Amino acid sequence: MRSPRGGSASSTPLRAWESHLRPHIASYQRTGLKQISLFTPANRRQLVLRRFFEVVDRMPVVGATMRRMINNSEDNLEKERDIALVD
């Protein structure tokens, strides 16, 4: 069976799934761009900042607070969602 657009009718669920995924993928890409310096520091400042956060992370009180803030951030919560599930 063919759809009015010329594709197969079975592509409709695939299009719905893609439109469901698109906002999540866009969010992942924005997060990746924001955090790129964490994984690939481009200059000395970014490298020093990364090392600073590594030291702070090992501090008992400050590190635990920082990890809690990161774990509850909107970016991290987005990564925890099951995006493949279409409601």
N, C-alpha and C. Protein backbone atom coordinates (compact mmCIF):
# COMPACT_ATOMS: atom_id res chain seq x y z
N MET A 1 0.85 -1.17 0.00
CA MET A 1 0.00 0.00 0.00
C MET A 1 0.89 1.24 0.00
N ARG A 2 0.56 2.22 -0.80
CA ARG A 2 1.36 3.42 -0.91
C ARG A 2 0.62 4.59 -0.26
N SER A 3 1.37 5.48 0.32
CA SER A 3 0.76 6.67 0.92
C SER A 3 0.62 7.75 -0.14
N PRO A 4 -0.17 8.80 0.13
CA PRO A 4 -0.37 9.87 -0.86
C PRO A 4 0.94 10.56 -1.28
N ARG A 5 1.95 10.54 -0.43
CA ARG A 5 3.21 11.20 -0.76
C ARG A 5 4.13 10.32 -1.60
N GLY A 6 3.75 9.11 -1.87
CA GLY A 6 4.56 8.25 -2.70
C GLY A 6 5.36 7.22 -1.93
N GLY A 7 5.46 7.35 -0.61
CA GLY A 7 6.17 6.37 0.19
C GLY A 7 5.23 5.27 0.60
N SER A 8 5.73 4.30 1.29
CA SER A 8 4.86 3.22 1.75
C SER A 8 4.10 3.68 2.99
N ALA A 9 2.94 3.10 3.21
CA ALA A 9 2.12 3.46 4.36
C ALA A 9 2.82 3.10 5.67
N SER A 10 3.72 2.12 5.63
CA SER A 10 4.41 1.71 6.86
C SER A 10 5.42 2.76 7.31
N SER A 11 5.74 3.74 6.47
CA SER A 11 6.69 4.77 6.87
C SER A 11 6.05 5.80 7.81
N THR A 12 4.73 5.82 7.91
CA THR A 12 4.06 6.78 8.78
C THR A 12 4.44 6.60 10.25
N PRO A 13 4.44 5.39 10.81
CA PRO A 13 4.89 5.24 12.19
C PRO A 13 6.36 5.65 12.36
N LEU A 14 7.15 5.39 11.35
CA LEU A 14 8.56 5.78 11.41
C LEU A 14 8.70 7.30 11.46
N ARG A 15 7.89 7.99 10.68
CA ARG A 15 7.91 9.46 10.69
C ARG A 15 7.46 9.99 12.05
N ALA A 16 6.46 9.36 12.63
CA ALA A 16 5.98 9.79 13.96
C ALA A 16 7.08 9.60 14.99
N TRP A 17 7.78 8.47 14.91
CA TRP A 17 8.86 8.20 15.85
C TRP A 17 9.99 9.21 15.65
N GLU A 18 10.31 9.52 14.40
CA GLU A 18 11.36 10.50 14.12
C GLU A 18 10.99 11.87 14.66
N SER A 19 9.74 12.28 14.46
CA SER A 19 9.33 13.60 14.97
C SER A 19 9.32 13.61 16.50
N HIS A 20 9.08 12.46 17.11
CA HIS A 20 9.16 12.35 18.57
C HIS A 20 10.62 12.47 19.04
N LEU A 21 11.55 11.88 18.30
CA LEU A 21 12.96 11.89 18.69
C LEU A 21 13.65 13.22 18.42
N ARG A 22 13.21 13.93 17.40
CA ARG A 22 13.92 15.14 16.94
C ARG A 22 14.22 16.14 18.05
N PRO A 23 13.28 16.52 18.93
CA PRO A 23 13.61 17.48 20.00
C PRO A 23 14.68 16.95 20.96
N HIS A 24 14.64 15.65 21.24
CA HIS A 24 15.63 15.06 22.13
C HIS A 24 17.02 15.09 21.50
N ILE A 25 17.10 14.76 20.23
CA ILE A 25 18.37 14.77 19.53
C ILE A 25 18.93 16.19 19.49
N ALA A 26 18.08 17.16 19.23
CA ALA A 26 18.52 18.56 19.21
C ALA A 26 19.06 18.96 20.58
N SER A 27 18.41 18.50 21.64
CA SER A 27 18.87 18.78 23.00
C SER A 27 20.23 18.14 23.25
N TYR A 28 20.41 16.88 22.82
CA TYR A 28 21.71 16.21 22.98
C TYR A 28 22.81 16.97 22.26
N GLN A 29 22.51 17.47 21.07
CA GLN A 29 23.51 18.20 20.30
C GLN A 29 23.86 19.52 20.97
N ARG A 30 22.88 20.24 21.50
CA ARG A 30 23.15 21.49 22.22
C ARG A 30 24.01 21.22 23.45
N THR A 31 23.66 20.18 24.20
CA THR A 31 24.42 19.83 25.39
C THR A 31 25.86 19.47 25.02
N GLY A 32 26.03 18.72 23.95
CA GLY A 32 27.37 18.35 23.51
C GLY A 32 28.21 19.56 23.16
N LEU A 33 27.60 20.54 22.50
CA LEU A 33 28.33 21.76 22.15
C LEU A 33 28.69 22.56 23.40
N LYS A 34 27.77 22.60 24.38
CA LYS A 34 28.06 23.33 25.62
C LYS A 34 29.19 22.67 26.41
N GLN A 35 29.28 21.33 26.35
CA GLN A 35 30.24 20.60 27.17
C GLN A 35 31.47 20.13 26.40
N ILE A 36 31.66 20.61 25.20
CA ILE A 36 32.76 20.14 24.37
C ILE A 36 34.12 20.40 25.03
N SER A 37 34.25 21.51 25.74
CA SER A 37 35.54 21.83 26.36
C SER A 37 35.89 20.86 27.48
N LEU A 38 34.88 20.19 28.04
CA LEU A 38 35.15 19.18 29.06
C LEU A 38 35.92 17.99 28.49
N PHE A 39 35.57 17.61 27.28
CA PHE A 39 36.15 16.41 26.67
C PHE A 39 37.33 16.72 25.77
N THR A 40 37.31 17.90 25.15
CA THR A 40 38.40 18.29 24.26
C THR A 40 38.76 19.75 24.52
N PRO A 41 39.50 20.01 25.61
CA PRO A 41 39.87 21.39 25.91
C PRO A 41 40.67 22.00 24.76
N ALA A 42 40.28 23.19 24.33
CA ALA A 42 40.90 23.82 23.17
C ALA A 42 42.05 24.75 23.54
N ASN A 43 42.11 25.16 24.81
CA ASN A 43 43.17 26.08 25.20
C ASN A 43 43.55 25.85 26.66
N ARG A 44 44.54 26.59 27.11
CA ARG A 44 45.05 26.41 28.47
C ARG A 44 43.97 26.72 29.52
N ARG A 45 43.18 27.75 29.30
CA ARG A 45 42.13 28.13 30.25
C ARG A 45 41.15 26.97 30.46
N GLN A 46 40.69 26.36 29.38
CA GLN A 46 39.75 25.24 29.49
C GLN A 46 40.40 24.04 30.18
N LEU A 47 41.67 23.82 29.92
CA LEU A 47 42.38 22.71 30.56
C LEU A 47 42.50 22.95 32.07
N VAL A 48 42.84 24.18 32.46
CA VAL A 48 42.95 24.52 33.89
C VAL A 48 41.58 24.39 34.56
N LEU A 49 40.54 24.85 33.90
CA LEU A 49 39.19 24.75 34.45
C LEU A 49 38.78 23.29 34.64
N ARG A 50 39.12 22.45 33.70
CA ARG A 50 38.81 21.02 33.81
C ARG A 50 39.53 20.41 35.01
N ARG A 51 40.80 20.73 35.16
CA ARG A 51 41.57 20.20 36.30
C ARG A 51 41.02 20.72 37.62
N PHE A 52 40.59 21.99 37.63
CA PHE A 52 40.00 22.58 38.83
C PHE A 52 38.76 21.78 39.25
N PHE A 53 37.89 21.47 38.30
CA PHE A 53 36.68 20.70 38.62
C PHE A 53 37.01 19.29 39.07
N GLU A 54 38.09 18.71 38.55
CA GLU A 54 38.51 17.38 39.01
C GLU A 54 38.92 17.42 40.47
N VAL A 55 39.64 18.48 40.87
CA VAL A 55 40.07 18.64 42.26
C VAL A 55 38.86 18.89 43.15
N VAL A 56 37.98 19.78 42.74
CA VAL A 56 36.77 20.09 43.52
C VAL A 56 35.91 18.85 43.69
N ASP A 57 35.84 18.02 42.66
CA ASP A 57 35.02 16.81 42.72
C ASP A 57 35.48 15.86 43.81
N ARG A 58 36.77 15.88 44.13
CA ARG A 58 37.30 14.99 45.17
C ARG A 58 37.09 15.52 46.58
N MET A 59 36.68 16.77 46.71
CA MET A 59 36.43 17.34 48.04
C MET A 59 35.11 16.78 48.58
N PRO A 60 35.12 16.31 49.83
CA PRO A 60 33.92 15.62 50.35
C PRO A 60 32.62 16.44 50.26
N VAL A 61 32.58 17.61 50.83
CA VAL A 61 31.34 18.38 50.88
C VAL A 61 31.06 19.08 49.56
N VAL A 62 32.04 19.79 49.06
CA VAL A 62 31.86 20.56 47.82
C VAL A 62 31.63 19.63 46.64
N GLY A 63 32.38 18.54 46.58
CA GLY A 63 32.23 17.58 45.49
C GLY A 63 30.86 16.93 45.47
N ALA A 64 30.37 16.55 46.66
CA ALA A 64 29.05 15.93 46.74
C ALA A 64 27.96 16.91 46.31
N THR A 65 28.09 18.16 46.72
CA THR A 65 27.12 19.19 46.33
C THR A 65 27.15 19.41 44.82
N MET A 66 28.36 19.48 44.27
CA MET A 66 28.49 19.70 42.83
C MET A 66 27.90 18.53 42.04
N ARG A 67 28.17 17.30 42.48
CA ARG A 67 27.62 16.12 41.80
C ARG A 67 26.10 16.11 41.86
N ARG A 68 25.54 16.50 43.00
CA ARG A 68 24.08 16.54 43.15
C ARG A 68 23.48 17.57 42.18
N MET A 69 24.13 18.72 42.07
CA MET A 69 23.65 19.76 41.14
C MET A 69 23.72 19.26 39.70
N ILE A 70 24.80 18.59 39.35
CA ILE A 70 24.96 18.08 37.99
C ILE A 70 23.94 16.98 37.71
N ASN A 71 23.76 16.07 38.66
CA ASN A 71 22.82 14.96 38.46
C ASN A 71 21.37 15.43 38.33
N ASN A 72 21.05 16.56 38.95
CA ASN A 72 19.69 17.08 38.88
C ASN A 72 19.52 18.17 37.82
N SER A 73 20.55 18.39 37.02
CA SER A 73 20.45 19.42 35.98
C SER A 73 19.51 18.94 34.88
N GLU A 74 18.94 19.90 34.18
CA GLU A 74 17.99 19.56 33.12
C GLU A 74 18.67 18.74 32.02
N ASP A 75 19.92 19.08 31.70
CA ASP A 75 20.65 18.33 30.67
C ASP A 75 20.82 16.87 31.06
N ASN A 76 21.17 16.63 32.32
CA ASN A 76 21.37 15.26 32.77
C ASN A 76 20.05 14.50 32.84
N LEU A 77 19.00 15.15 33.29
CA LEU A 77 17.69 14.49 33.35
C LEU A 77 17.21 14.12 31.95
N GLU A 78 17.52 14.96 30.97
CA GLU A 78 17.16 14.66 29.57
C GLU A 78 17.86 13.39 29.11
N LYS A 79 19.12 13.23 29.51
CA LYS A 79 19.88 12.04 29.09
C LYS A 79 19.34 10.77 29.74
N GLU A 80 18.67 10.90 30.88
CA GLU A 80 18.14 9.74 31.60
C GLU A 80 16.79 9.26 31.06
N ARG A 81 16.12 10.09 30.27
CA ARG A 81 14.79 9.72 29.75
C ARG A 81 14.88 8.62 28.71
N ASP A 82 13.84 7.80 28.65
CA ASP A 82 13.73 6.77 27.61
C ASP A 82 13.07 7.42 26.40
N ILE A 83 13.90 7.91 25.49
CA ILE A 83 13.36 8.67 24.36
C ILE A 83 12.79 7.78 23.27
N ALA A 84 13.14 6.51 23.27
CA ALA A 84 12.64 5.62 22.22
C ALA A 84 11.17 5.26 22.43
N LEU A 85 10.69 5.42 23.64
CA LEU A 85 9.31 5.10 23.95
C LEU A 85 8.39 6.22 23.46
N VAL A 86 7.51 5.90 22.55
CA VAL A 86 6.55 6.88 22.04
C VAL A 86 5.25 6.70 22.79
N ASP A 87 4.77 7.79 23.38
CA ASP A 87 3.52 7.72 24.17
C ASP A 87 2.32 7.50 23.29
